[in-house]
Amino acid sequence: ALYQMTNENGGVDDVFGSAYMTKRDLYNRLRAFLEGSRN
């Protein structure tokens, strides 16, 4: 899963809100996230 740190004590947020998934599924989502971040 992709997590983002939310506070200095180590709190995290599940970025895609879908818990743990396959590497292929996360890879595709990360690529889409990158493409959206560049625009």
PDB file of all heavy atoms in Angstrom:
ATOM      1  N   ALA A   1       0.858  -1.189   0.000  1.00  0.00           N
ATOM      2  CA  ALA A   1       0.000   0.000   0.000  1.00  0.00           C
ATOM      3  C   ALA A   1       0.889   1.233   0.000  1.00  0.00           C
ATOM      4  O   ALA A   1       2.059   1.166   0.376  1.00  0.00           O
ATOM      5  CB  ALA A   1      -0.907   0.015   1.234  1.00  0.00           C
ATOM      6  N   LEU A   2       0.340   2.356  -0.432  1.00  0.00           N
ATOM      7  CA  LEU A   2       1.055   3.625  -0.367  1.00  0.00           C
ATOM      8  C   LEU A   2       0.537   4.384   0.844  1.00  0.00           C
ATOM      9  O   LEU A   2      -0.661   4.650   0.957  1.00  0.00           O
ATOM     10  CB  LEU A   2       0.824   4.465  -1.630  1.00  0.00           C
ATOM     11  CG  LEU A   2       1.557   5.810  -1.648  1.00  0.00           C
ATOM     12  CD1 LEU A   2       3.074   5.609  -1.720  1.00  0.00           C
ATOM     13  CD2 LEU A   2       1.083   6.669  -2.813  1.00  0.00           C
ATOM     14  N   TYR A   3       1.460   4.718   1.756  1.00  0.00           N
ATOM     15  CA  TYR A   3       1.121   5.488   2.949  1.00  0.00           C
ATOM     16  C   TYR A   3       1.788   6.841   2.875  1.00  0.00           C
ATOM     17  O   TYR A   3       2.834   7.005   2.250  1.00  0.00           O
ATOM     18  CB  TYR A   3       1.620   4.778   4.204  1.00  0.00           C
ATOM     19  CG  TYR A   3       0.742   3.658   4.701  1.00  0.00           C
ATOM     20  CD1 TYR A   3      -0.398   3.236   4.032  1.00  0.00           C
ATOM     21  CD2 TYR A   3       1.066   2.998   5.880  1.00  0.00           C
ATOM     22  CE1 TYR A   3      -1.181   2.210   4.514  1.00  0.00           C
ATOM     23  CE2 TYR A   3       0.288   1.970   6.368  1.00  0.00           C
ATOM     24  CZ  TYR A   3      -0.840   1.583   5.687  1.00  0.00           C
ATOM     25  OH  TYR A   3      -1.620   0.562   6.167  1.00  0.00           O
ATOM     26  N   GLN A   4       1.176   7.822   3.551  1.00  0.00           N
ATOM     27  CA  GLN A   4       1.774   9.145   3.681  1.00  0.00           C
ATOM     28  C   GLN A   4       1.841   9.492   5.163  1.00  0.00           C
ATOM     29  O   GLN A   4       0.861   9.330   5.889  1.00  0.00           O
ATOM     30  CB  GLN A   4       0.965  10.208   2.938  1.00  0.00           C
ATOM     31  CG  GLN A   4       1.629  11.576   2.997  1.00  0.00           C
ATOM     32  CD  GLN A   4       0.868  12.638   2.231  1.00  0.00           C
ATOM     33  OE1 GLN A   4      -0.349  12.597   2.129  1.00  0.00           O
ATOM     34  NE2 GLN A   4       1.599  13.608   1.714  1.00  0.00           N
ATOM     35  N   MET A   5       3.021   9.961   5.607  1.00  0.00           N
ATOM     36  CA  MET A   5       3.199  10.377   6.992  1.00  0.00           C
ATOM     37  C   MET A   5       2.328  11.604   7.262  1.00  0.00           C
ATOM     38  O   MET A   5       2.335  12.558   6.483  1.00  0.00           O
ATOM     39  CB  MET A   5       4.656  10.744   7.272  1.00  0.00           C
ATOM     40  CG  MET A   5       5.590   9.574   7.269  1.00  0.00           C
ATOM     41  SD  MET A   5       5.288   8.522   8.694  1.00  0.00           S
ATOM     42  CE  MET A   5       6.773   7.548   8.652  1.00  0.00           C
ATOM     43  N   THR A   6       1.590  11.591   8.373  1.00  0.00           N
ATOM     44  CA  THR A   6       0.681  12.694   8.677  1.00  0.00           C
ATOM     45  C   THR A   6       1.068  13.493   9.920  1.00  0.00           C
ATOM     46  O   THR A   6       0.541  14.579  10.129  1.00  0.00           O
ATOM     47  CB  THR A   6      -0.759  12.182   8.860  1.00  0.00           C
ATOM     48  OG1 THR A   6      -0.772  11.202   9.903  1.00  0.00           O
ATOM     49  CG2 THR A   6      -1.283  11.583   7.561  1.00  0.00           C
ATOM     50  N   ASN A   7       1.946  12.941  10.765  1.00  0.00           N
ATOM     51  CA  ASN A   7       2.396  13.698  11.935  1.00  0.00           C
ATOM     52  C   ASN A   7       3.791  13.230  12.352  1.00  0.00           C
ATOM     53  O   ASN A   7       4.281  12.210  11.871  1.00  0.00           O
ATOM     54  CB  ASN A   7       1.396  13.617  13.098  1.00  0.00           C
ATOM     55  CG  ASN A   7       1.230  12.218  13.627  1.00  0.00           C
ATOM     56  OD1 ASN A   7       2.198  11.504  13.883  1.00  0.00           O
ATOM     57  ND2 ASN A   7      -0.017  11.805  13.822  1.00  0.00           N
ATOM     58  N   GLU A   8       4.421  13.970  13.250  1.00  0.00           N
ATOM     59  CA  GLU A   8       5.794  13.672  13.662  1.00  0.00           C
ATOM     60  C   GLU A   8       5.924  12.403  14.494  1.00  0.00           C
ATOM     61  O   GLU A   8       7.025  11.922  14.720  1.00  0.00           O
ATOM     62  CB  GLU A   8       6.383  14.855  14.430  1.00  0.00           C
ATOM     63  CG  GLU A   8       6.648  16.052  13.563  1.00  0.00           C
ATOM     64  CD  GLU A   8       7.339  17.174  14.308  1.00  0.00           C
ATOM     65  OE1 GLU A   8       7.618  17.032  15.513  1.00  0.00           O
ATOM     66  OE2 GLU A   8       7.618  18.201  13.659  1.00  0.00           O
ATOM     67  N   ASN A   9       4.825  11.857  14.954  1.00  0.00           N
ATOM     68  CA  ASN A   9       4.858  10.633  15.763  1.00  0.00           C
ATOM     69  C   ASN A   9       4.701   9.367  14.934  1.00  0.00           C
ATOM     70  O   ASN A   9       4.636   8.272  15.478  1.00  0.00           O
ATOM     71  CB  ASN A   9       3.778  10.695  16.846  1.00  0.00           C
ATOM     72  CG  ASN A   9       4.024  11.832  17.794  1.00  0.00           C
ATOM     73  OD1 ASN A   9       5.153  12.055  18.227  1.00  0.00           O
ATOM     74  ND2 ASN A   9       2.990  12.582  18.111  1.00  0.00           N
ATOM     75  N   GLY A  10       4.604   9.498  13.623  1.00  0.00           N
ATOM     76  CA  GLY A  10       4.523   8.321  12.756  1.00  0.00           C
ATOM     77  C   GLY A  10       3.129   7.963  12.285  1.00  0.00           C
ATOM     78  O   GLY A  10       2.930   6.897  11.708  1.00  0.00           O
ATOM     79  N   GLY A  11       2.164   8.830  12.514  1.00  0.00           N
ATOM     80  CA  GLY A  11       0.820   8.581  12.009  1.00  0.00           C
ATOM     81  C   GLY A  11       0.820   8.585  10.480  1.00  0.00           C
ATOM     82  O   GLY A  11       1.563   9.336   9.858  1.00  0.00           O
ATOM     83  N   VAL A  12       0.029   7.699   9.889  1.00  0.00           N
ATOM     84  CA  VAL A  12      -0.004   7.582   8.431  1.00  0.00           C
ATOM     85  C   VAL A  12      -1.436   7.580   7.907  1.00  0.00           C
ATOM     86  O   VAL A  12      -2.381   7.330   8.644  1.00  0.00           O
ATOM     87  CB  VAL A  12       0.704   6.294   7.939  1.00  0.00           C
ATOM     88  CG1 VAL A  12       2.174   6.320   8.276  1.00  0.00           C
ATOM     89  CG2 VAL A  12       0.052   5.056   8.520  1.00  0.00           C
ATOM     90  N   ASP A  13      -1.534   7.846   6.608  1.00  0.00           N
ATOM     91  CA  ASP A  13      -2.802   7.789   5.893  1.00  0.00           C
ATOM     92  C   ASP A  13      -2.634   6.829   4.728  1.00  0.00           C
ATOM     93  O   ASP A  13      -1.624   6.874   4.025  1.00  0.00           O
ATOM     94  CB  ASP A  13      -3.164   9.185   5.377  1.00  0.00           C
ATOM     95  CG  ASP A  13      -4.473   9.203   4.617  1.00  0.00           C
ATOM     96  OD1 ASP A  13      -5.428   8.526   5.056  1.00  0.00           O
ATOM     97  OD2 ASP A  13      -4.548   9.899   3.593  1.00  0.00           O
ATOM     98  N   ASP A  14      -3.607   5.936   4.538  1.00  0.00           N
ATOM     99  CA  ASP A  14      -3.612   5.044   3.376  1.00  0.00           C
ATOM    100  C   ASP A  14      -4.094   5.879   2.190  1.00  0.00           C
ATOM    101  O   ASP A  14      -5.274   6.202   2.084  1.00  0.00           O
ATOM    102  CB  ASP A  14      -4.545   3.861   3.637  1.00  0.00           C
ATOM    103  CG  ASP A  14      -4.647   2.892   2.481  1.00  0.00           C
ATOM    104  OD1 ASP A  14      -4.044   3.137   1.416  1.00  0.00           O
ATOM    105  OD2 ASP A  14      -5.340   1.868   2.642  1.00  0.00           O
ATOM    106  N   VAL A  15      -3.169   6.258   1.320  1.00  0.00           N
ATOM    107  CA  VAL A  15      -3.447   7.226   0.252  1.00  0.00           C
ATOM    108  C   VAL A  15      -4.616   6.810  -0.634  1.00  0.00           C
ATOM    109  O   VAL A  15      -5.478   7.622  -0.960  1.00  0.00           O
ATOM    110  CB  VAL A  15      -2.179   7.472  -0.595  1.00  0.00           C
ATOM    111  CG1 VAL A  15      -2.482   8.371  -1.780  1.00  0.00           C
ATOM    112  CG2 VAL A  15      -1.075   8.073   0.273  1.00  0.00           C
ATOM    113  N   PHE A  16      -4.670   5.544  -1.012  1.00  0.00           N
ATOM    114  CA  PHE A  16      -5.724   5.096  -1.919  1.00  0.00           C
ATOM    115  C   PHE A  16      -6.938   4.534  -1.181  1.00  0.00           C
ATOM    116  O   PHE A  16      -7.928   4.179  -1.806  1.00  0.00           O
ATOM    117  CB  PHE A  16      -5.178   4.068  -2.911  1.00  0.00           C
ATOM    118  CG  PHE A  16      -4.097   4.631  -3.796  1.00  0.00           C
ATOM    119  CD1 PHE A  16      -2.812   4.118  -3.758  1.00  0.00           C
ATOM    120  CD2 PHE A  16      -4.353   5.695  -4.640  1.00  0.00           C
ATOM    121  CE1 PHE A  16      -1.804   4.640  -4.558  1.00  0.00           C
ATOM    122  CE2 PHE A  16      -3.359   6.231  -5.439  1.00  0.00           C
ATOM    123  CZ  PHE A  16      -2.081   5.705  -5.393  1.00  0.00           C
ATOM    124  N   GLY A  17      -6.853   4.449   0.139  1.00  0.00           N
ATOM    125  CA  GLY A  17      -7.987   4.008   0.955  1.00  0.00           C
ATOM    126  C   GLY A  17      -8.477   2.608   0.658  1.00  0.00           C
ATOM    127  O   GLY A  17      -9.625   2.286   0.906  1.00  0.00           O
ATOM    128  N   SER A  18      -7.603   1.774   0.126  1.00  0.00           N
ATOM    129  CA  SER A  18      -8.040   0.430  -0.246  1.00  0.00           C
ATOM    130  C   SER A  18      -7.215  -0.659   0.429  1.00  0.00           C
ATOM    131  O   SER A  18      -7.197  -1.787  -0.033  1.00  0.00           O
ATOM    132  CB  SER A  18      -7.974   0.268  -1.765  1.00  0.00           C
ATOM    133  OG  SER A  18      -6.661   0.535  -2.210  1.00  0.00           O
ATOM    134  N   ALA A  19      -6.540  -0.303   1.494  1.00  0.00           N
ATOM    135  CA  ALA A  19      -5.713  -1.244   2.250  1.00  0.00           C
ATOM    136  C   ALA A  19      -4.646  -1.870   1.348  1.00  0.00           C
ATOM    137  O   ALA A  19      -4.189  -1.232   0.406  1.00  0.00           O
ATOM    138  CB  ALA A  19      -6.577  -2.288   2.932  1.00  0.00           C
ATOM    139  N   TYR A  20      -4.269  -3.092   1.628  1.00  0.00           N
ATOM    140  CA  TYR A  20      -3.178  -3.742   0.899  1.00  0.00           C
ATOM    141  C   TYR A  20      -3.689  -4.403  -0.375  1.00  0.00           C
ATOM    142  O   TYR A  20      -4.790  -4.939  -0.413  1.00  0.00           O
ATOM    143  CB  TYR A  20      -2.475  -4.742   1.810  1.00  0.00           C
ATOM    144  CG  TYR A  20      -1.771  -4.034   2.929  1.00  0.00           C
ATOM    145  CD1 TYR A  20      -2.405  -3.784   4.133  1.00  0.00           C
ATOM    146  CD2 TYR A  20      -0.470  -3.561   2.758  1.00  0.00           C
ATOM    147  CE1 TYR A  20      -1.762  -3.093   5.154  1.00  0.00           C
ATOM    148  CE2 TYR A  20       0.175  -2.868   3.766  1.00  0.00           C
ATOM    149  CZ  TYR A  20      -0.472  -2.635   4.954  1.00  0.00           C
ATOM    150  OH  TYR A  20       0.164  -1.945   5.945  1.00  0.00           O
ATOM    151  N   MET A  21      -2.862  -4.320  -1.422  1.00  0.00           N
ATOM    152  CA  MET A  21      -3.236  -4.833  -2.737  1.00  0.00           C
ATOM    153  C   MET A  21      -2.036  -5.529  -3.371  1.00  0.00           C
ATOM    154  O   MET A  21      -0.965  -5.570  -2.773  1.00  0.00           O
ATOM    155  CB  MET A  21      -3.721  -3.680  -3.620  1.00  0.00           C
ATOM    156  CG  MET A  21      -2.666  -2.612  -3.862  1.00  0.00           C
ATOM    157  SD  MET A  21      -3.301  -1.098  -4.630  1.00  0.00           S
ATOM    158  CE  MET A  21      -3.926  -0.226  -3.216  1.00  0.00           C
ATOM    159  N   THR A  22      -2.194  -6.015  -4.583  1.00  0.00           N
ATOM    160  CA  THR A  22      -1.075  -6.649  -5.281  1.00  0.00           C
ATOM    161  C   THR A  22      -0.078  -5.586  -5.731  1.00  0.00           C
ATOM    162  O   THR A  22      -0.422  -4.408  -5.871  1.00  0.00           O
ATOM    163  CB  THR A  22      -1.554  -7.428  -6.522  1.00  0.00           C
ATOM    164  OG1 THR A  22      -2.071  -6.486  -7.473  1.00  0.00           O
ATOM    165  CG2 THR A  22      -2.608  -8.462  -6.163  1.00  0.00           C
ATOM    166  N   LYS A  23       1.136  -6.004  -5.975  1.00  0.00           N
ATOM    167  CA  LYS A  23       2.167  -5.080  -6.453  1.00  0.00           C
ATOM    168  C   LYS A  23       1.777  -4.486  -7.799  1.00  0.00           C
ATOM    169  O   LYS A  23       1.988  -3.302  -8.046  1.00  0.00           O
ATOM    170  CB  LYS A  23       3.517  -5.788  -6.564  1.00  0.00           C
ATOM    171  CG  LYS A  23       4.115  -6.123  -5.217  1.00  0.00           C
ATOM    172  CD  LYS A  23       5.436  -6.855  -5.370  1.00  0.00           C
ATOM    173  CE  LYS A  23       5.979  -7.253  -4.018  1.00  0.00           C
ATOM    174  NZ  LYS A  23       7.235  -7.995  -4.125  1.00  0.00           N
ATOM    175  N   ARG A  24       1.212  -5.268  -8.672  1.00  0.00           N
ATOM    176  CA  ARG A  24       0.796  -4.785  -9.997  1.00  0.00           C
ATOM    177  C   ARG A  24      -0.266  -3.681  -9.851  1.00  0.00           C
ATOM    178  O   ARG A  24      -0.187  -2.651 -10.504  1.00  0.00           O
ATOM    179  CB  ARG A  24       0.254  -5.946 -10.827  1.00  0.00           C
ATOM    180  CG  ARG A  24      -0.457  -5.567 -12.114  1.00  0.00           C
ATOM    181  CD  ARG A  24       0.406  -5.208 -13.270  1.00  0.00           C
ATOM    182  NE  ARG A  24       1.407  -6.206 -13.542  1.00  0.00           N
ATOM    183  CZ  ARG A  24       2.492  -5.964 -14.256  1.00  0.00           C
ATOM    184  NH1 ARG A  24       2.687  -4.775 -14.786  1.00  0.00           N
ATOM    185  NH2 ARG A  24       3.391  -6.891 -14.472  1.00  0.00           N
ATOM    186  N   ASP A  25      -1.249  -3.906  -9.000  1.00  0.00           N
ATOM    187  CA  ASP A  25      -2.309  -2.915  -8.809  1.00  0.00           C
ATOM    188  C   ASP A  25      -1.726  -1.623  -8.235  1.00  0.00           C
ATOM    189  O   ASP A  25      -2.031  -0.525  -8.729  1.00  0.00           O
ATOM    190  CB  ASP A  25      -3.399  -3.465  -7.896  1.00  0.00           C
ATOM    191  CG  ASP A  25      -4.636  -2.590  -7.832  1.00  0.00           C
ATOM    192  OD1 ASP A  25      -4.824  -1.739  -8.724  1.00  0.00           O
ATOM    193  OD2 ASP A  25      -5.434  -2.760  -6.890  1.00  0.00           O
ATOM    194  N   LEU A  26      -0.861  -1.735  -7.227  1.00  0.00           N
ATOM    195  CA  LEU A  26      -0.263  -0.530  -6.656  1.00  0.00           C
ATOM    196  C   LEU A  26       0.626   0.173  -7.678  1.00  0.00           C
ATOM    197  O   LEU A  26       0.605   1.401  -7.786  1.00  0.00           O
ATOM    198  CB  LEU A  26       0.529  -0.859  -5.391  1.00  0.00           C
ATOM    199  CG  LEU A  26       1.151   0.353  -4.692  1.00  0.00           C
ATOM    200  CD1 LEU A  26       0.091   1.374  -4.296  1.00  0.00           C
ATOM    201  CD2 LEU A  26       1.963  -0.086  -3.488  1.00  0.00           C
ATOM    202  N   TYR A  27       1.384  -0.582  -8.447  1.00  0.00           N
ATOM    203  CA  TYR A  27       2.251  -0.004  -9.483  1.00  0.00           C
ATOM    204  C   TYR A  27       1.422   0.847 -10.454  1.00  0.00           C
ATOM    205  O   TYR A  27       1.776   1.979 -10.753  1.00  0.00           O
ATOM    206  CB  TYR A  27       2.972  -1.127 -10.233  1.00  0.00           C
ATOM    207  CG  TYR A  27       3.833  -0.669 -11.371  1.00  0.00           C
ATOM    208  CD1 TYR A  27       5.128  -0.213 -11.151  1.00  0.00           C
ATOM    209  CD2 TYR A  27       3.364  -0.704 -12.682  1.00  0.00           C
ATOM    210  CE1 TYR A  27       5.930   0.214 -12.201  1.00  0.00           C
ATOM    211  CE2 TYR A  27       4.156  -0.288 -13.737  1.00  0.00           C
ATOM    212  CZ  TYR A  27       5.438   0.167 -13.491  1.00  0.00           C
ATOM    213  OH  TYR A  27       6.239   0.587 -14.532  1.00  0.00           O
ATOM    214  N   ASN A  28       0.309   0.313 -10.904  1.00  0.00           N
ATOM    215  CA  ASN A  28      -0.555   1.057 -11.835  1.00  0.00           C
ATOM    216  C   ASN A  28      -1.111   2.327 -11.190  1.00  0.00           C
ATOM    217  O   ASN A  28      -1.180   3.378 -11.829  1.00  0.00           O
ATOM    218  CB  ASN A  28      -1.688   0.166 -12.337  1.00  0.00           C
ATOM    219  CG  ASN A  28      -1.194  -0.914 -13.263  1.00  0.00           C
ATOM    220  OD1 ASN A  28      -0.163  -0.775 -13.918  1.00  0.00           O
ATOM    221  ND2 ASN A  28      -1.918  -2.029 -13.316  1.00  0.00           N
ATOM    222  N   ARG A  29      -1.479   2.242  -9.926  1.00  0.00           N
ATOM    223  CA  ARG A  29      -1.996   3.419  -9.226  1.00  0.00           C
ATOM    224  C   ARG A  29      -0.906   4.463  -9.007  1.00  0.00           C
ATOM    225  O   ARG A  29      -1.164   5.665  -9.112  1.00  0.00           O
ATOM    226  CB  ARG A  29      -2.611   3.015  -7.891  1.00  0.00           C
ATOM    227  CG  ARG A  29      -3.896   2.215  -8.061  1.00  0.00           C
ATOM    228  CD  ARG A  29      -4.448   1.801  -6.726  1.00  0.00           C
ATOM    229  NE  ARG A  29      -5.550   0.872  -6.890  1.00  0.00           N
ATOM    230  CZ  ARG A  29      -6.611   0.852  -6.112  1.00  0.00           C
ATOM    231  NH1 ARG A  29      -6.720   1.694  -5.105  1.00  0.00           N
ATOM    232  NH2 ARG A  29      -7.564  -0.025  -6.310  1.00  0.00           N
ATOM    233  N   LEU A  30       0.313   4.011  -8.687  1.00  0.00           N
ATOM    234  CA  LEU A  30       1.422   4.949  -8.501  1.00  0.00           C
ATOM    235  C   LEU A  30       1.738   5.680  -9.797  1.00  0.00           C
ATOM    236  O   LEU A  30       1.996   6.890  -9.798  1.00  0.00           O
ATOM    237  CB  LEU A  30       2.671   4.221  -7.992  1.00  0.00           C
ATOM    238  CG  LEU A  30       2.590   3.628  -6.589  1.00  0.00           C
ATOM    239  CD1 LEU A  30       3.874   2.861  -6.274  1.00  0.00           C
ATOM    240  CD2 LEU A  30       2.318   4.681  -5.549  1.00  0.00           C
ATOM    241  N   ARG A  31       1.711   4.966 -10.902  1.00  0.00           N
ATOM    242  CA  ARG A  31       1.958   5.604 -12.207  1.00  0.00           C
ATOM    243  C   ARG A  31       0.885   6.648 -12.504  1.00  0.00           C
ATOM    244  O   ARG A  31       1.187   7.747 -12.963  1.00  0.00           O
ATOM    245  CB  ARG A  31       1.988   4.546 -13.321  1.00  0.00           C
ATOM    246  CG  ARG A  31       3.049   3.477 -13.201  1.00  0.00           C
ATOM    247  CD  ARG A  31       4.312   3.855 -13.830  1.00  0.00           C
ATOM    248  NE  ARG A  31       4.053   4.413 -15.137  1.00  0.00           N
ATOM    249  CZ  ARG A  31       4.825   4.289 -16.170  1.00  0.00           C
ATOM    250  NH1 ARG A  31       5.922   3.597 -16.074  1.00  0.00           N
ATOM    251  NH2 ARG A  31       4.547   4.855 -17.325  1.00  0.00           N
ATOM    252  N   ALA A  32      -0.368   6.318 -12.226  1.00  0.00           N
ATOM    253  CA  ALA A  32      -1.459   7.272 -12.447  1.00  0.00           C
ATOM    254  C   ALA A  32      -1.309   8.484 -11.517  1.00  0.00           C
ATOM    255  O   ALA A  32      -1.521   9.628 -11.934  1.00  0.00           O
ATOM    256  CB  ALA A  32      -2.806   6.592 -12.221  1.00  0.00           C
ATOM    257  N   PHE A  33      -0.919   8.251 -10.273  1.00  0.00           N
ATOM    258  CA  PHE A  33      -0.701   9.332  -9.305  1.00  0.00           C
ATOM    259  C   PHE A  33       0.380  10.271  -9.829  1.00  0.00           C
ATOM    260  O   PHE A  33       0.213  11.491  -9.798  1.00  0.00           O
ATOM    261  CB  PHE A  33      -0.283   8.717  -7.975  1.00  0.00           C
ATOM    262  CG  PHE A  33      -0.163   9.695  -6.843  1.00  0.00           C
ATOM    263  CD1 PHE A  33      -1.177   9.825  -5.920  1.00  0.00           C
ATOM    264  CD2 PHE A  33       0.969  10.479  -6.683  1.00  0.00           C
ATOM    265  CE1 PHE A  33      -1.076  10.710  -4.861  1.00  0.00           C
ATOM    266  CE2 PHE A  33       1.093  11.371  -5.630  1.00  0.00           C
ATOM    267  CZ  PHE A  33       0.054  11.491  -4.711  1.00  0.00           C
ATOM    268  N   LEU A  34       1.470   9.703 -10.332  1.00  0.00           N
ATOM    269  CA  LEU A  34       2.566  10.518 -10.873  1.00  0.00           C
ATOM    270  C   LEU A  34       2.113  11.345 -12.064  1.00  0.00           C
ATOM    271  O   LEU A  34       2.436  12.532 -12.173  1.00  0.00           O
ATOM    272  CB  LEU A  34       3.718   9.617 -11.302  1.00  0.00           C
ATOM    273  CG  LEU A  34       4.894   9.504 -10.352  1.00  0.00           C
ATOM    274  CD1 LEU A  34       5.912   8.504 -10.873  1.00  0.00           C
ATOM    275  CD2 LEU A  34       5.528  10.834 -10.078  1.00  0.00           C
ATOM    276  N   GLU A  35       1.386  10.734 -12.972  1.00  0.00           N
ATOM    277  CA  GLU A  35       0.892  11.455 -14.138  1.00  0.00           C
ATOM    278  C   GLU A  35      -0.012  12.606 -13.725  1.00  0.00           C
ATOM    279  O   GLU A  35       0.078  13.699 -14.260  1.00  0.00           O
ATOM    280  CB  GLU A  35       0.154  10.508 -15.092  1.00  0.00           C
ATOM    281  CG  GLU A  35       1.074   9.587 -15.840  1.00  0.00           C
ATOM    282  CD  GLU A  35       2.099  10.307 -16.677  1.00  0.00           C
ATOM    283  OE1 GLU A  35       1.742  11.274 -17.392  1.00  0.00           O
ATOM    284  OE2 GLU A  35       3.277   9.924 -16.606  1.00  0.00           O
ATOM    285  N   GLY A  36      -0.886  12.366 -12.746  1.00  0.00           N
ATOM    286  CA  GLY A  36      -1.777  13.423 -12.277  1.00  0.00           C
ATOM    287  C   GLY A  36      -1.041  14.541 -11.548  1.00  0.00           C
ATOM    288  O   GLY A  36      -1.440  15.694 -11.606  1.00  0.00           O
ATOM    289  N   SER A  37       0.059  14.195 -10.880  1.00  0.00           N
ATOM    290  CA  SER A  37       0.842  15.189 -10.134  1.00  0.00           C
ATOM    291  C   SER A  37       1.632  16.113 -11.047  1.00  0.00           C
ATOM    292  O   SER A  37       1.952  17.233 -10.677  1.00  0.00           O
ATOM    293  CB  SER A  37       1.817  14.489  -9.180  1.00  0.00           C
ATOM    294  OG  SER A  37       1.117  13.769  -8.221  1.00  0.00           O
ATOM    295  N   ARG A  38       1.928  15.655 -12.232  1.00  0.00           N
ATOM    296  CA  ARG A  38       2.727  16.438 -13.163  1.00  0.00           C
ATOM    297  C   ARG A  38       1.909  17.480 -13.893  1.00  0.00           C
ATOM    298  O   ARG A  38       2.437  18.427 -14.436  1.00  0.00           O
ATOM    299  CB  ARG A  38       3.406  15.523 -14.186  1.00  0.00           C
ATOM    300  CG  ARG A  38       4.468  14.677 -13.544  1.00  0.00           C
ATOM    301  CD  ARG A  38       5.097  13.784 -14.552  1.00  0.00           C
ATOM    302  NE  ARG A  38       6.081  12.941 -13.903  1.00  0.00           N
ATOM    303  CZ  ARG A  38       6.600  11.878 -14.418  1.00  0.00           C
ATOM    304  NH1 ARG A  38       6.232  11.495 -15.628  1.00  0.00           N
ATOM    305  NH2 ARG A  38       7.490  11.164 -13.766  1.00  0.00           N
ATOM    306  N   ASN A  39       0.611  17.296 -13.955  1.00  0.00           N
ATOM    307  CA  ASN A  39      -0.255  18.209 -14.712  1.00  0.00           C
ATOM    308  C   ASN A  39      -0.715  19.365 -13.900  1.00  0.00           C
ATOM    309  O   ASN A  39      -0.729  19.487 -12.791  1.00  0.00           O
ATOM    310  CB  ASN A  39      -1.462  17.451 -15.285  1.00  0.00           C
ATOM    311  CG  ASN A  39      -0.998  16.408 -16.275  1.00  0.00           C
ATOM    312  OD1 ASN A  39       0.029  16.577 -16.915  1.00  0.00           O
ATOM    313  ND2 ASN A  39      -1.736  15.330 -16.380  1.00  0.00           N
TER     314      ASN A  39
END
